[in-house]
Structures are given as structure tokens and as C-alpha cells.
Protein backbone atom coordinates (compact mmCIF):
# COMPACT_ATOMS: atom_id res chain seq x y z
CA MET A 1 145.83 -1.03 27.65
CA SER A 2 144.86 -4.71 27.26
CA TYR A 3 142.38 -6.29 29.65
CA ARG A 4 145.22 -8.40 31.14
CA ASN A 5 147.24 -5.28 31.92
CA ARG A 6 144.18 -3.58 33.40
CA THR A 7 143.54 -6.65 35.57
CA ALA A 8 147.13 -6.67 36.86
CA ALA A 9 147.06 -2.93 37.57
CA LEU A 10 143.81 -3.19 39.55
CA ALA A 11 145.11 -6.11 41.61
CA SER A 12 148.35 -4.24 42.40
CA ALA A 13 146.44 -1.11 43.45
CA ALA A 14 144.17 -3.15 45.74
CA ALA A 15 147.12 -4.89 47.38
CA LEU A 16 148.86 -1.55 47.91
CA ALA A 17 145.72 -0.08 49.50
CA GLY A 18 145.54 -3.00 51.90
CA SER A 19 149.19 -2.49 52.87
CA VAL A 20 148.68 1.24 53.47
CA VAL A 21 145.70 0.52 55.74
CA LEU A 22 147.71 -1.97 57.78
CA MET A 23 150.57 0.51 58.14
CA ALA A 24 148.09 3.03 59.58
CA ALA A 25 147.33 0.79 62.60
CA PRO A 26 147.82 2.57 65.94
CA VAL A 27 151.11 2.06 67.76
CA ALA A 28 151.23 0.73 71.32
CA ARG A 29 154.35 -0.16 73.27
CA ALA A 30 154.20 -1.60 76.78
CA GLU A 31 156.83 -2.88 79.19
CA VAL A 32 156.99 -3.85 82.83
CA VAL A 33 158.97 -1.24 84.79
CA ASP A 34 160.43 -1.67 88.27
CA VAL A 35 159.27 1.16 90.52
CA ASN A 36 161.01 1.91 93.82
CA TYR A 37 158.29 3.20 96.15
CA GLN A 38 159.08 5.17 99.29
CA CYS A 39 156.00 5.03 101.50
CA LYS A 40 154.93 7.42 104.25
CA THR A 41 152.90 5.35 106.70
CA PRO A 42 151.30 6.13 110.08
CA ILE A 43 154.04 4.12 111.77
CA GLY A 44 157.04 5.36 109.80
CA ASP A 45 158.70 5.21 106.40
CA LYS A 46 158.86 2.01 104.38
CA SER A 47 160.18 1.12 100.94
CA ALA A 48 159.42 -1.54 98.37
CA VAL A 49 160.14 -2.25 94.72
CA SER A 50 157.30 -3.50 92.54
CA PRO A 51 157.21 -4.19 88.79
CA ILE A 52 154.42 -2.05 87.29
CA ASP A 53 152.46 -2.92 84.18
CA ILE A 54 150.16 -0.40 82.45
CA LYS A 55 147.87 -1.41 79.61
CA GLY A 56 145.51 0.58 77.39
CA ALA A 57 142.42 -0.52 75.46
CA LYS A 58 140.36 1.64 73.11
CA SER A 59 136.99 2.53 74.63
CA GLY A 60 134.73 4.94 72.75
CA ASP A 61 136.51 8.26 72.26
CA GLY A 62 139.10 7.36 74.89
CA TYR A 63 141.18 4.54 76.32
CA ARG A 64 140.65 2.31 79.32
CA ILE A 65 143.94 2.39 81.25
CA THR A 66 144.73 -0.42 83.69
CA MET A 67 147.64 -0.36 86.14
CA SER A 68 148.89 -3.59 87.73
CA TRP A 69 151.32 -4.31 90.58
CA GLN A 70 153.25 -7.58 90.41
CA LYS A 71 154.44 -7.34 94.02
CA GLY A 72 152.96 -5.96 97.22
CA VAL A 73 154.01 -2.61 98.67
CA SER A 74 154.00 -1.29 102.23
CA SER A 75 152.41 -3.32 105.06
CA SER A 76 150.19 -2.93 108.11
CA PRO A 77 151.08 -3.76 111.74
CA VAL A 78 147.56 -5.12 112.19
CA GLU A 79 145.38 -7.34 110.04
CA LEU A 80 143.26 -5.52 107.46
CA GLY A 81 139.89 -7.17 107.20
CA LYS A 82 138.06 -7.68 103.95
CA GLY A 83 137.12 -4.32 102.43
CA ALA A 84 139.26 -2.32 104.89
CA MET A 85 141.82 -1.05 102.36
CA THR A 86 141.07 1.15 99.32
CA PRO A 87 143.84 2.03 96.83
CA SER A 88 144.19 4.70 94.15
CA ALA A 89 147.10 5.99 92.10
CA THR A 90 148.16 8.67 89.68
CA ILE A 91 149.74 8.10 86.28
CA ALA A 92 151.96 10.79 84.79
CA LEU A 93 151.26 11.64 81.14
CA GLY A 94 154.03 12.66 78.78
CA GLY A 95 154.81 13.10 75.12
CA ALA A 96 151.95 14.72 73.20
CA ASP A 97 149.95 15.22 76.42
CA GLY A 98 150.79 16.24 79.97
CA GLY A 99 149.54 16.27 83.53
CA THR A 100 148.30 13.24 85.44
CA MET A 101 145.34 10.89 85.45
CA THR A 102 143.88 8.97 88.37
CA VAL A 103 143.16 5.25 88.45
CA THR A 104 141.09 3.59 91.16
CA GLY A 105 140.03 0.10 92.12
CA PRO A 106 138.00 -1.98 94.56
CA ALA A 107 138.77 -2.54 98.20
CA ASN A 108 140.65 -5.68 99.19
CA ASP A 109 138.48 -8.76 98.65
CA ALA A 110 140.23 -10.81 101.32
CA ALA A 111 141.82 -10.13 104.70
CA ILE A 112 145.48 -8.99 104.64
CA PRO A 113 147.56 -10.48 107.48
CA ALA A 114 149.60 -8.16 109.69
CA ASN A 115 153.17 -7.31 108.62
CA THR A 116 152.82 -8.71 105.11
CA PRO A 117 153.18 -6.77 101.84
CA ILE A 118 149.87 -5.25 100.75
CA LYS A 119 148.91 -6.59 97.33
CA ILE A 120 147.22 -3.90 95.25
CA ASN A 121 144.40 -4.97 92.96
CA ASP A 122 144.38 -3.68 89.39
CA LEU A 123 143.45 -0.01 89.19
CA SER A 124 141.79 1.50 86.14
CA GLY A 125 140.48 4.75 84.72
CA THR A 126 139.45 6.28 81.39
CA TYR A 127 141.82 8.55 79.48
CA THR A 128 140.37 10.83 76.80
CA PRO A 129 143.10 12.54 74.76
CA LYS A 130 142.81 16.19 73.78
CA LYS A 131 145.85 16.06 71.51
CA SER A 132 146.92 13.56 68.87
CA GLY A 133 150.33 11.85 68.94
CA GLU A 134 152.36 9.53 71.12
CA VAL A 135 151.43 9.72 74.81
CA THR A 136 153.44 8.02 77.56
CA PHE A 137 152.03 6.64 80.82
CA THR A 138 154.34 6.43 83.85
CA ALA A 139 153.61 5.19 87.37
CA GLY A 140 152.96 8.03 89.84
CA VAL A 141 151.93 8.26 93.50
CA LEU A 142 150.09 5.34 95.09
CA THR A 143 147.64 6.16 97.91
CA ILE A 144 146.35 3.53 100.33
CA LYS A 145 143.51 4.33 102.73
CA ALA A 146 142.84 1.86 105.54
CA LEU A 147 141.31 1.98 109.01
CA GLY A 148 141.03 5.77 108.93
CA THR A 149 144.69 6.28 107.95
CA THR A 150 146.38 7.27 104.69
CA THR A 151 149.63 5.92 103.29
CA THR A 152 151.29 7.56 100.28
CA CYS A 153 153.97 5.81 98.22
CA THR A 154 156.05 7.91 95.83
CA PRO A 155 158.40 6.58 93.10
CA THR A 156 161.98 7.66 93.82
CA ASN A 157 163.91 6.01 90.98
CA ASP A 158 162.50 8.14 88.13
CA PRO A 159 160.89 5.13 86.41
CA GLY A 160 160.40 5.16 82.67
CA PRO A 161 157.01 4.85 80.95
CA SER A 162 155.19 1.54 81.27
CA LEU A 163 153.02 2.32 78.24
CA THR A 164 153.21 4.42 75.07
CA LEU A 165 150.08 4.92 72.97
CA ASP A 166 149.67 6.62 69.60
CA VAL A 167 146.35 8.39 70.22
CA MET A 168 143.86 10.49 68.28
CA ALA A 169 142.24 13.51 69.94
CA ALA A 170 138.59 12.93 70.79
CA SER A 171 136.08 14.78 68.65
CA GLY A 172 134.53 17.67 70.56
CA GLY A 173 137.18 17.47 73.32
CA GLY A 174 134.60 18.32 75.96
CA ALA A 175 134.81 15.26 78.21
CA THR A 176 135.49 15.73 81.91
CA GLY A 177 137.17 13.55 84.47
CA SER A 178 140.01 13.25 86.95
CA THR A 179 142.96 14.04 84.71
CA GLN A 180 144.88 17.15 85.79
CA GLY A 181 146.59 19.42 83.29
CA GLY A 182 146.15 17.15 80.29
CA GLY A 183 143.68 14.89 78.58
CA SER A 184 140.47 13.93 80.27
CA GLY A 185 140.40 10.90 82.58
CA SER A 186 138.14 9.11 85.01
CA GLY A 187 138.77 6.42 87.57
CA SER A 188 135.21 5.21 87.92
CA GLY A 189 132.18 4.18 85.88
CA ALA A 190 130.84 1.06 84.23
CA GLU A 191 133.22 -1.08 82.26
CA LEU A 192 132.83 -0.52 78.55
CA PRO A 193 133.51 -3.00 75.73
CA GLN A 194 137.21 -2.69 75.04
CA THR A 195 139.12 -2.78 71.80
CA GLY A 196 142.87 -2.69 72.28
CA PRO A 197 145.52 -1.60 69.79
CA GLU A 198 145.90 -5.16 68.55
CA ASP A 199 142.17 -5.37 67.85
CA SER A 200 142.30 -2.06 66.02
CA ALA A 201 145.06 -3.43 63.82
CA VAL A 202 142.94 -6.49 63.07
CA ALA A 203 139.98 -4.29 62.20
CA LEU A 204 142.10 -2.16 59.90
CA GLY A 205 143.57 -5.28 58.36
CA THR A 206 140.03 -6.51 57.67
CA LEU A 207 139.33 -3.20 55.93
CA GLY A 208 142.47 -3.67 53.85
CA GLY A 209 141.30 -7.16 52.93
CA THR A 210 137.93 -5.73 51.87
CA VAL A 211 139.73 -3.25 49.60
CA LEU A 212 141.72 -6.10 48.10
CA LEU A 213 138.61 -8.19 47.46
CA ALA A 214 136.86 -5.20 45.91
CA GLY A 215 139.79 -4.72 43.54
CA ALA A 216 139.79 -8.39 42.60
CA ALA A 217 136.05 -8.29 41.99
CA GLY A 218 136.50 -5.29 39.70
CA ALA A 219 139.23 -7.06 37.78
CA LEU A 220 137.03 -10.16 37.37
CA TRP A 221 134.12 -7.99 36.11
CA LEU A 222 136.38 -6.35 33.52
CA THR A 223 137.68 -9.74 32.41
CA ARG A 224 134.19 -11.18 31.98
CA ARG A 225 133.04 -8.04 30.17
CA HIS A 226 135.95 -8.29 27.75
CA GLN A 227 135.32 -12.00 27.16
CA GLY A 228 131.63 -11.26 26.52
CA ALA A 229 132.54 -8.60 23.98
CA ARG A 230 134.87 -11.01 22.18
CA ALA A 231 132.14 -13.66 22.10
CA ARG A 232 129.69 -11.22 20.48
CA HIS A 233 132.26 -10.47 17.80
């Protein structure tokens, strides 16, 4: 094979390797889903529909899951002072995993006027998969604790998943947390540096680019070696 053919073959192989690496990037699909909550409150039943957004970001061996409400749910007949209301929620896992995980968040950072929808701050928790594959995350029961009372809001419209992640099982699989019947999860702890699926794709793309550059460097070395041999002859 001539040095030109060897150069072309090496360049093609490097480009193919880069493409394969990019195709291996993890899959993440997210969409905002309307959830019809039926709430059991100390003063009777209430209902509200809120669009729910769930996002996931790679964090160590697991994923930092964040649940967001775009509209308020339930209400209080009296004003809730700053720090008087603490929310938490469950997220149902499906696909390759099962059970539920719990997400939690801070108390309200401002007073909530009486008879107005209660805006829920973002809730988050850590999900550590025990199985590899596509896992779905669907809004579950919302719990609101305020002034010594508890309100529970349950989805009644069978909402679809707000997030689908293609996950890899954690090595060791021995993590503990608040997930029930499935992967490991936790709703508390210090925030860790996050790398989402898009960042993982970028990192893998960078690796593919490195493979491509390595192939090009090899081709250049062979070309110069061949030219040096011709010069000596």
C-alpha cells in the first residue's frame, strides 16, 4: 500500500472513531407535563393543574434530579409567613428501574398571602441507578407541611414522564438514600458539581476529536518518514 493510501486509510479510521464516540453519548429526553393535582387539605379538597418540569444532571455515580412547578398548587386560608411551609415530593421511576425517589427543597423564602396559590420552589434529590438502560421520571405525590398541618396532592390524570434518561448502573451499587423499590436516591446533601447529558456529549465529542487528531498526527508522521526515506535514496 502506498503512503498516500495509508494516509487516507488512517484519516478515515480516525473520523469513524470520532463518529462512533459521538453516537455513544447518553440520551436524555425532557418535556413539560401538565399534572392535575387533587389536594387533601385541613379545610377540604382542592384541585389545581400545574405544568411539571423534571431535569437530570450527572453527578458522580448518580444524577441530580430537579423538579419544578410552573404554577402554584393548593392555597392556605391564612397567610404563611416566611419559612412556614416546607414541601417535598415523590417521583415515580419506570423503564429499566422502578419504585419512587424523594425530592425535597427549602422552606418558602417569602410570605405567602392567604387564599393564593402556593408556589413550590424547585425540589431536588440524587438518583443512583442500580440498573442500566432508559429510566423514566414521572411526577408523584406532593406533600406540603405548614403551621403544624399536612397537605397531600396526588396526580389524578395519569401524567406521562417529564424526563427520560439513558443511565449506567453505578459501580458497587451500594449507595443508600430515599428511593423506594428501585435505584438509590437522596433528597438532601451538599450540591455537587453537575454535568448534564449535553455536557457529557460535549466531553465525548472532545474525545472523538482527540482520536481524530491522533490519527492525523500518525498519518503526518508516516508521510514525513516516507519523504525522509525517499530523500536518503
